[in-house]
N, C-alpha and C. Protein backbone atom coordinates (compact mmCIF):
# COMPACT_ATOMS: atom_id res chain seq x y z
N MET A 1 11.56 11.84 8.30
CA MET A 1 11.79 11.11 7.07
C MET A 1 11.24 11.92 5.90
N ASN A 2 11.90 11.86 4.79
CA ASN A 2 11.51 12.57 3.59
C ASN A 2 10.14 12.10 3.11
N GLN A 3 9.35 13.03 2.57
CA GLN A 3 8.00 12.70 2.08
C GLN A 3 8.06 11.68 0.95
N ASN A 4 9.02 11.83 0.06
CA ASN A 4 9.14 10.88 -1.05
C ASN A 4 9.52 9.49 -0.57
N LEU A 5 10.41 9.42 0.41
CA LEU A 5 10.83 8.14 0.95
C LEU A 5 9.68 7.46 1.69
N SER A 6 8.90 8.24 2.41
CA SER A 6 7.73 7.68 3.10
C SER A 6 6.74 7.11 2.09
N ALA A 7 6.48 7.85 1.03
CA ALA A 7 5.55 7.38 0.00
C ALA A 7 6.08 6.12 -0.68
N LEU A 8 7.40 6.06 -0.90
CA LEU A 8 7.99 4.87 -1.52
C LEU A 8 7.82 3.65 -0.62
N LEU A 9 8.08 3.82 0.67
CA LEU A 9 7.94 2.69 1.59
C LEU A 9 6.49 2.23 1.70
N ILE A 10 5.56 3.18 1.74
CA ILE A 10 4.14 2.82 1.79
C ILE A 10 3.75 2.10 0.50
N GLY A 11 4.24 2.58 -0.63
CA GLY A 11 3.95 1.93 -1.91
C GLY A 11 4.50 0.52 -1.98
N LEU A 12 5.69 0.32 -1.46
CA LEU A 12 6.28 -1.03 -1.45
C LEU A 12 5.48 -1.98 -0.57
N VAL A 13 5.01 -1.49 0.56
CA VAL A 13 4.17 -2.32 1.43
C VAL A 13 2.85 -2.66 0.73
N GLY A 14 2.24 -1.67 0.08
CA GLY A 14 1.00 -1.92 -0.66
C GLY A 14 1.18 -2.90 -1.79
N ALA A 15 2.29 -2.79 -2.51
CA ALA A 15 2.56 -3.72 -3.60
C ALA A 15 2.78 -5.13 -3.06
N ALA A 16 3.47 -5.24 -1.94
CA ALA A 16 3.71 -6.56 -1.35
C ALA A 16 2.40 -7.19 -0.89
N ILE A 17 1.51 -6.40 -0.31
CA ILE A 17 0.21 -6.92 0.11
C ILE A 17 -0.59 -7.39 -1.10
N THR A 18 -0.59 -6.57 -2.14
CA THR A 18 -1.35 -6.92 -3.35
C THR A 18 -0.79 -8.18 -4.01
N LEU A 19 0.53 -8.28 -4.10
CA LEU A 19 1.13 -9.43 -4.76
C LEU A 19 1.03 -10.71 -3.94
N SER A 20 0.84 -10.58 -2.63
CA SER A 20 0.74 -11.77 -1.79
C SER A 20 -0.69 -12.31 -1.71
N ALA A 21 -1.58 -11.80 -2.54
CA ALA A 21 -3.00 -12.17 -2.45
C ALA A 21 -3.23 -13.66 -2.62
N TYR A 22 -2.47 -14.30 -3.47
CA TYR A 22 -2.74 -15.71 -3.75
C TYR A 22 -1.80 -16.65 -3.03
N SER A 23 -0.86 -16.12 -2.25
CA SER A 23 0.08 -16.99 -1.56
C SER A 23 -0.15 -17.06 -0.05
N GLN A 24 -1.19 -16.41 0.45
CA GLN A 24 -1.48 -16.44 1.87
C GLN A 24 -2.91 -16.93 2.08
N THR A 25 -3.20 -17.35 3.29
CA THR A 25 -4.52 -17.93 3.58
C THR A 25 -5.24 -17.22 4.72
N PHE A 26 -4.74 -16.08 5.18
CA PHE A 26 -5.37 -15.40 6.32
C PHE A 26 -6.69 -14.74 5.93
N ILE A 27 -6.71 -14.05 4.82
CA ILE A 27 -7.93 -13.42 4.33
C ILE A 27 -8.11 -13.81 2.86
N SER A 28 -9.28 -13.53 2.31
CA SER A 28 -9.54 -13.92 0.92
C SER A 28 -8.69 -13.08 -0.03
N SER A 29 -8.50 -13.58 -1.23
CA SER A 29 -7.66 -12.88 -2.20
C SER A 29 -8.27 -11.54 -2.60
N THR A 30 -9.59 -11.46 -2.68
CA THR A 30 -10.24 -10.19 -3.03
C THR A 30 -10.01 -9.15 -1.95
N GLN A 31 -10.12 -9.54 -0.69
CA GLN A 31 -9.87 -8.61 0.39
C GLN A 31 -8.41 -8.18 0.43
N CYS A 32 -7.51 -9.09 0.13
CA CYS A 32 -6.09 -8.78 0.14
C CYS A 32 -5.75 -7.78 -0.96
N ILE A 33 -6.31 -7.97 -2.14
CA ILE A 33 -6.08 -7.03 -3.25
C ILE A 33 -6.66 -5.67 -2.91
N THR A 34 -7.84 -5.64 -2.31
CA THR A 34 -8.48 -4.39 -1.93
C THR A 34 -7.64 -3.63 -0.91
N VAL A 35 -7.17 -4.32 0.11
CA VAL A 35 -6.33 -3.67 1.13
C VAL A 35 -5.04 -3.16 0.50
N GLY A 36 -4.43 -3.95 -0.36
CA GLY A 36 -3.20 -3.53 -1.01
C GLY A 36 -3.39 -2.29 -1.86
N LEU A 37 -4.48 -2.23 -2.60
CA LEU A 37 -4.74 -1.05 -3.43
C LEU A 37 -5.06 0.17 -2.59
N LEU A 38 -5.73 -0.01 -1.46
CA LEU A 38 -5.99 1.12 -0.56
C LEU A 38 -4.69 1.65 0.02
N VAL A 39 -3.77 0.76 0.37
CA VAL A 39 -2.47 1.20 0.87
C VAL A 39 -1.70 1.94 -0.21
N LEU A 40 -1.77 1.46 -1.45
CA LEU A 40 -1.13 2.17 -2.56
C LEU A 40 -1.72 3.56 -2.76
N MET A 41 -3.04 3.68 -2.65
CA MET A 41 -3.68 4.99 -2.77
C MET A 41 -3.25 5.91 -1.63
N PHE A 42 -3.09 5.36 -0.43
CA PHE A 42 -2.62 6.15 0.70
C PHE A 42 -1.21 6.66 0.43
N GLY A 43 -0.36 5.82 -0.13
CA GLY A 43 0.99 6.24 -0.49
C GLY A 43 0.98 7.35 -1.53
N LEU A 44 0.06 7.27 -2.48
CA LEU A 44 -0.06 8.32 -3.49
C LEU A 44 -0.48 9.64 -2.85
N LEU A 45 -1.42 9.58 -1.92
CA LEU A 45 -1.86 10.80 -1.24
C LEU A 45 -0.74 11.41 -0.41
N VAL A 46 0.09 10.58 0.20
CA VAL A 46 1.24 11.07 0.96
C VAL A 46 2.23 11.72 0.01
N ARG A 47 2.46 11.09 -1.13
CA ARG A 47 3.42 11.61 -2.11
C ARG A 47 2.98 12.95 -2.68
N GLU A 48 1.70 13.10 -2.92
CA GLU A 48 1.19 14.35 -3.49
C GLU A 48 1.05 15.46 -2.45
N GLY A 49 1.19 15.12 -1.18
CA GLY A 49 1.15 16.14 -0.14
C GLY A 49 -0.22 16.39 0.46
N PHE A 50 -1.21 15.57 0.10
CA PHE A 50 -2.54 15.75 0.68
C PHE A 50 -2.59 15.28 2.12
N ILE A 51 -1.74 14.31 2.47
CA ILE A 51 -1.66 13.78 3.82
C ILE A 51 -0.22 13.92 4.29
N SER A 52 -0.06 14.52 5.45
CA SER A 52 1.28 14.67 6.01
C SER A 52 1.55 13.51 6.94
N PHE A 53 2.61 12.77 6.67
CA PHE A 53 2.91 11.57 7.45
C PHE A 53 4.23 11.71 8.12
């Protein structure tokens, strides 16, 4: 899979996790936002080529 496409998919997953912070009850909203932002940062690192996925 293309590096840009991988980063886009990771970013979309991170955005979905972040935006679902207040509509789910599995974990607290703060933890959900934190996990979402970490996933977004991972997508950025993949996009910039620091991590090969």
